[in-house]
N, C-alpha and C. Protein backbone atom coordinates (compact mmCIF):
# COMPACT_ATOMS: atom_id res chain seq x y z
N MET A 1 10.09 1.78 6.18
CA MET A 1 11.23 0.96 5.81
C MET A 1 12.40 1.87 5.45
N THR A 2 13.57 1.61 6.00
CA THR A 2 14.73 2.45 5.71
C THR A 2 15.40 1.99 4.43
N ALA A 3 16.34 2.80 3.95
CA ALA A 3 17.03 2.48 2.70
C ALA A 3 17.89 1.23 2.85
N GLN A 4 18.32 0.91 4.06
CA GLN A 4 19.20 -0.23 4.25
C GLN A 4 18.43 -1.55 4.34
N GLU A 5 17.15 -1.51 4.70
CA GLU A 5 16.39 -2.73 4.89
C GLU A 5 16.25 -3.57 3.63
N PRO A 6 16.02 -3.00 2.43
CA PRO A 6 15.95 -3.85 1.24
C PRO A 6 17.24 -4.62 1.00
N GLY A 7 18.37 -4.01 1.23
CA GLY A 7 19.66 -4.69 1.06
C GLY A 7 19.82 -5.82 2.05
N LYS A 8 19.38 -5.59 3.29
CA LYS A 8 19.46 -6.65 4.31
C LYS A 8 18.55 -7.81 3.93
N ALA A 9 17.35 -7.50 3.46
CA ALA A 9 16.41 -8.54 3.06
C ALA A 9 16.98 -9.34 1.89
N GLN A 10 17.63 -8.65 0.98
CA GLN A 10 18.23 -9.32 -0.17
C GLN A 10 19.36 -10.23 0.29
N ASN A 11 20.16 -9.78 1.27
CA ASN A 11 21.24 -10.61 1.79
C ASN A 11 20.70 -11.85 2.46
N VAL A 12 19.61 -11.70 3.23
CA VAL A 12 19.00 -12.85 3.90
C VAL A 12 18.48 -13.84 2.87
N THR A 13 17.80 -13.32 1.84
CA THR A 13 17.28 -14.18 0.79
C THR A 13 18.42 -14.89 0.07
N ARG A 14 19.48 -14.16 -0.23
CA ARG A 14 20.64 -14.76 -0.90
C ARG A 14 21.26 -15.83 -0.02
N ASP A 15 21.43 -15.53 1.27
CA ASP A 15 22.02 -16.50 2.19
C ASP A 15 21.15 -17.75 2.31
N THR A 16 19.83 -17.56 2.31
CA THR A 16 18.92 -18.70 2.37
C THR A 16 19.07 -19.57 1.13
N LEU A 17 19.13 -18.94 -0.03
CA LEU A 17 19.31 -19.69 -1.27
C LEU A 17 20.63 -20.44 -1.29
N ILE A 18 21.69 -19.80 -0.80
CA ILE A 18 23.00 -20.46 -0.75
C ILE A 18 22.94 -21.68 0.15
N SER A 19 22.29 -21.54 1.31
CA SER A 19 22.16 -22.67 2.24
C SER A 19 21.40 -23.82 1.60
N GLU A 20 20.32 -23.49 0.91
CA GLU A 20 19.54 -24.53 0.25
C GLU A 20 20.35 -25.23 -0.84
N ILE A 21 21.11 -24.47 -1.59
CA ILE A 21 21.94 -25.06 -2.65
C ILE A 21 23.00 -25.98 -2.04
N GLU A 22 23.59 -25.55 -0.94
CA GLU A 22 24.59 -26.39 -0.27
C GLU A 22 23.96 -27.69 0.21
N GLU A 23 22.74 -27.62 0.76
CA GLU A 23 22.05 -28.84 1.20
C GLU A 23 21.76 -29.75 0.02
N LYS A 24 21.30 -29.16 -1.07
CA LYS A 24 20.97 -29.94 -2.25
C LYS A 24 22.21 -30.59 -2.88
N SER A 25 23.35 -29.97 -2.71
CA SER A 25 24.57 -30.55 -3.29
C SER A 25 24.94 -31.87 -2.61
N ARG A 26 24.37 -32.10 -1.42
CA ARG A 26 24.64 -33.35 -0.71
C ARG A 26 23.59 -34.42 -1.01
N GLN A 27 22.58 -34.09 -1.82
CA GLN A 27 21.52 -35.05 -2.14
C GLN A 27 21.96 -35.96 -3.29
N THR A 28 21.26 -37.07 -3.40
CA THR A 28 21.51 -37.97 -4.54
C THR A 28 20.92 -37.30 -5.78
N PRO A 29 21.35 -37.71 -6.96
CA PRO A 29 20.80 -37.11 -8.19
C PRO A 29 19.28 -37.24 -8.28
N ALA A 30 18.74 -38.37 -7.88
CA ALA A 30 17.28 -38.56 -7.96
C ALA A 30 16.56 -37.58 -7.03
N GLU A 31 17.06 -37.40 -5.82
CA GLU A 31 16.45 -36.46 -4.88
C GLU A 31 16.56 -35.02 -5.39
N LEU A 32 17.68 -34.73 -5.98
CA LEU A 32 17.93 -33.37 -6.48
C LEU A 32 16.96 -33.00 -7.60
N LEU A 33 16.72 -33.95 -8.51
CA LEU A 33 15.85 -33.67 -9.65
C LEU A 33 14.39 -33.46 -9.25
N LYS A 34 13.98 -33.99 -8.11
CA LYS A 34 12.59 -33.86 -7.69
C LYS A 34 12.19 -32.41 -7.42
N ASP A 35 13.13 -31.60 -6.98
CA ASP A 35 12.78 -30.25 -6.53
C ASP A 35 13.42 -29.13 -7.36
N VAL A 36 13.91 -29.44 -8.53
CA VAL A 36 14.61 -28.45 -9.35
C VAL A 36 13.68 -27.32 -9.78
N LYS A 37 12.48 -27.65 -10.25
CA LYS A 37 11.57 -26.62 -10.75
C LYS A 37 11.21 -25.62 -9.65
N ARG A 38 10.92 -26.07 -8.46
CA ARG A 38 10.56 -25.16 -7.37
C ARG A 38 11.73 -24.23 -7.05
N THR A 39 12.93 -24.76 -7.03
CA THR A 39 14.11 -23.95 -6.73
C THR A 39 14.33 -22.89 -7.82
N LEU A 40 14.18 -23.29 -9.07
CA LEU A 40 14.36 -22.33 -10.17
C LEU A 40 13.30 -21.24 -10.13
N ASP A 41 12.06 -21.62 -9.85
CA ASP A 41 10.99 -20.62 -9.78
C ASP A 41 11.26 -19.62 -8.66
N ARG A 42 11.70 -20.09 -7.53
CA ARG A 42 11.97 -19.20 -6.40
C ARG A 42 13.16 -18.30 -6.69
N SER A 43 14.18 -18.81 -7.37
CA SER A 43 15.35 -17.98 -7.66
C SER A 43 15.01 -16.86 -8.65
N LYS A 44 14.03 -17.08 -9.51
CA LYS A 44 13.61 -16.03 -10.45
C LYS A 44 12.89 -14.90 -9.73
N ASP A 45 12.30 -15.20 -8.57
CA ASP A 45 11.57 -14.18 -7.81
C ASP A 45 12.49 -13.22 -7.08
N VAL A 46 13.75 -13.55 -6.93
CA VAL A 46 14.69 -12.70 -6.21
C VAL A 46 14.99 -11.47 -7.06
N LYS A 47 14.78 -10.32 -6.48
CA LYS A 47 15.02 -9.06 -7.19
C LYS A 47 16.41 -8.55 -6.83
N LEU A 48 17.20 -8.28 -7.82
CA LEU A 48 18.53 -7.73 -7.59
C LEU A 48 18.44 -6.21 -7.60
N GLN A 49 19.32 -5.58 -6.85
CA GLN A 49 19.36 -4.12 -6.83
C GLN A 49 19.95 -3.64 -8.15
N GLU A 50 19.34 -2.57 -8.67
CA GLU A 50 19.85 -2.02 -9.92
C GLU A 50 21.12 -1.23 -9.66
N ALA A 51 22.05 -1.35 -10.59
CA ALA A 51 23.31 -0.62 -10.47
C ALA A 51 23.07 0.85 -10.77
N LYS A 52 23.82 1.70 -10.10
CA LYS A 52 23.71 3.13 -10.35
C LYS A 52 24.40 3.47 -11.66
N ALA A 53 23.84 4.43 -12.37
CA ALA A 53 24.43 4.87 -13.63
C ALA A 53 25.74 5.58 -13.34
N VAL A 54 26.74 5.27 -14.14
CA VAL A 54 28.06 5.88 -13.98
C VAL A 54 28.43 6.55 -15.30
N SER A 55 28.90 7.77 -15.21
CA SER A 55 29.29 8.50 -16.40
C SER A 55 30.53 7.85 -17.02
N THR A 56 30.51 7.72 -18.34
CA THR A 56 31.66 7.16 -19.03
C THR A 56 32.62 8.24 -19.53
N GLU A 57 32.25 9.51 -19.28
CA GLU A 57 33.12 10.60 -19.71
C GLU A 57 34.25 10.79 -18.71
N LEU A 58 35.43 11.04 -19.24
CA LEU A 58 36.57 11.30 -18.37
C LEU A 58 36.50 12.71 -17.83
N LYS A 59 36.85 12.86 -16.59
CA LYS A 59 36.85 14.19 -15.98
C LYS A 59 38.24 14.47 -15.44
N THR A 60 38.65 15.72 -15.56
CA THR A 60 39.93 16.13 -15.01
C THR A 60 39.65 16.94 -13.76
N SER A 61 40.21 16.51 -12.67
CA SER A 61 40.08 17.28 -11.44
C SER A 61 41.42 17.29 -10.74
N CYS A 62 41.72 18.41 -10.16
CA CYS A 62 42.99 18.55 -9.46
C CYS A 62 42.74 19.39 -8.22
N SER A 63 42.97 18.82 -7.06
CA SER A 63 42.67 19.54 -5.83
C SER A 63 43.90 20.24 -5.24
N ILE A 64 45.04 20.14 -5.91
CA ILE A 64 46.25 20.81 -5.42
C ILE A 64 46.43 22.09 -6.22
N PRO A 65 46.34 23.25 -5.57
CA PRO A 65 46.47 24.52 -6.29
C PRO A 65 47.81 24.59 -7.03
N GLY A 66 47.74 25.00 -8.28
CA GLY A 66 48.96 25.17 -9.07
C GLY A 66 49.46 23.90 -9.73
N MET A 67 48.88 22.75 -9.41
CA MET A 67 49.37 21.48 -9.96
C MET A 67 49.14 21.41 -11.47
N VAL A 68 47.98 21.87 -11.93
CA VAL A 68 47.69 21.82 -13.36
C VAL A 68 48.71 22.64 -14.14
N GLU A 69 48.99 23.85 -13.66
CA GLU A 69 49.96 24.70 -14.35
C GLU A 69 51.35 24.06 -14.33
N MET A 70 51.73 23.47 -13.23
CA MET A 70 53.04 22.83 -13.14
C MET A 70 53.13 21.65 -14.11
N LEU A 71 52.08 20.86 -14.21
CA LEU A 71 52.09 19.72 -15.12
C LEU A 71 52.10 20.15 -16.58
N ARG A 72 51.47 21.27 -16.88
CA ARG A 72 51.46 21.77 -18.26
C ARG A 72 52.86 22.12 -18.74
N LYS A 73 53.75 22.49 -17.84
CA LYS A 73 55.13 22.80 -18.22
C LYS A 73 55.83 21.57 -18.77
N PHE A 74 55.39 20.40 -18.34
CA PHE A 74 56.05 19.16 -18.75
C PHE A 74 55.40 18.49 -19.95
N THR A 75 54.31 19.04 -20.46
CA THR A 75 53.68 18.45 -21.63
C THR A 75 54.37 18.94 -22.89
N GLY A 76 54.38 18.11 -23.88
CA GLY A 76 55.01 18.45 -25.13
C GLY A 76 55.67 17.23 -25.72
N PRO A 77 56.32 17.40 -26.86
CA PRO A 77 56.96 16.25 -27.50
C PRO A 77 58.08 15.67 -26.64
N VAL A 78 58.18 14.37 -26.69
CA VAL A 78 59.22 13.68 -25.92
C VAL A 78 60.13 12.98 -26.92
N ALA A 79 61.42 13.20 -26.79
CA ALA A 79 62.39 12.54 -27.66
C ALA A 79 63.01 11.38 -26.90
N ALA A 80 63.02 10.23 -27.53
CA ALA A 80 63.63 9.07 -26.89
C ALA A 80 65.12 9.06 -27.22
N THR A 81 65.92 9.10 -26.20
CA THR A 81 67.37 9.04 -26.40
C THR A 81 67.90 7.84 -25.66
N ARG A 82 68.97 7.33 -26.16
CA ARG A 82 69.57 6.16 -25.55
C ARG A 82 70.95 6.55 -25.05
N SER A 83 71.16 6.33 -23.79
CA SER A 83 72.47 6.66 -23.25
C SER A 83 73.40 5.46 -23.43
N PRO A 84 74.66 5.74 -23.74
CA PRO A 84 75.60 4.62 -23.92
C PRO A 84 75.82 3.90 -22.59
N GLY A 85 75.91 2.62 -22.65
CA GLY A 85 76.19 1.93 -21.40
C GLY A 85 75.81 0.56 -21.36
């Protein structure tokens, strides 16, 4: 099984569930209530892919040579002035 197959299977399962829900939305309330438990049980069986861990630390990266030094020239206190006009 390739790495892409689980995602495809999940998409097919999701699409199947969506189709079933759309069909059920056209049923009468009495018909809908007859099959609620089975639908809920099946939806619990669907396994979602786990999200990849993402670092919350900020990183500074600059791929333009000399850019960091150039930007450092502009750091420092900023005075707010108002021009007449």
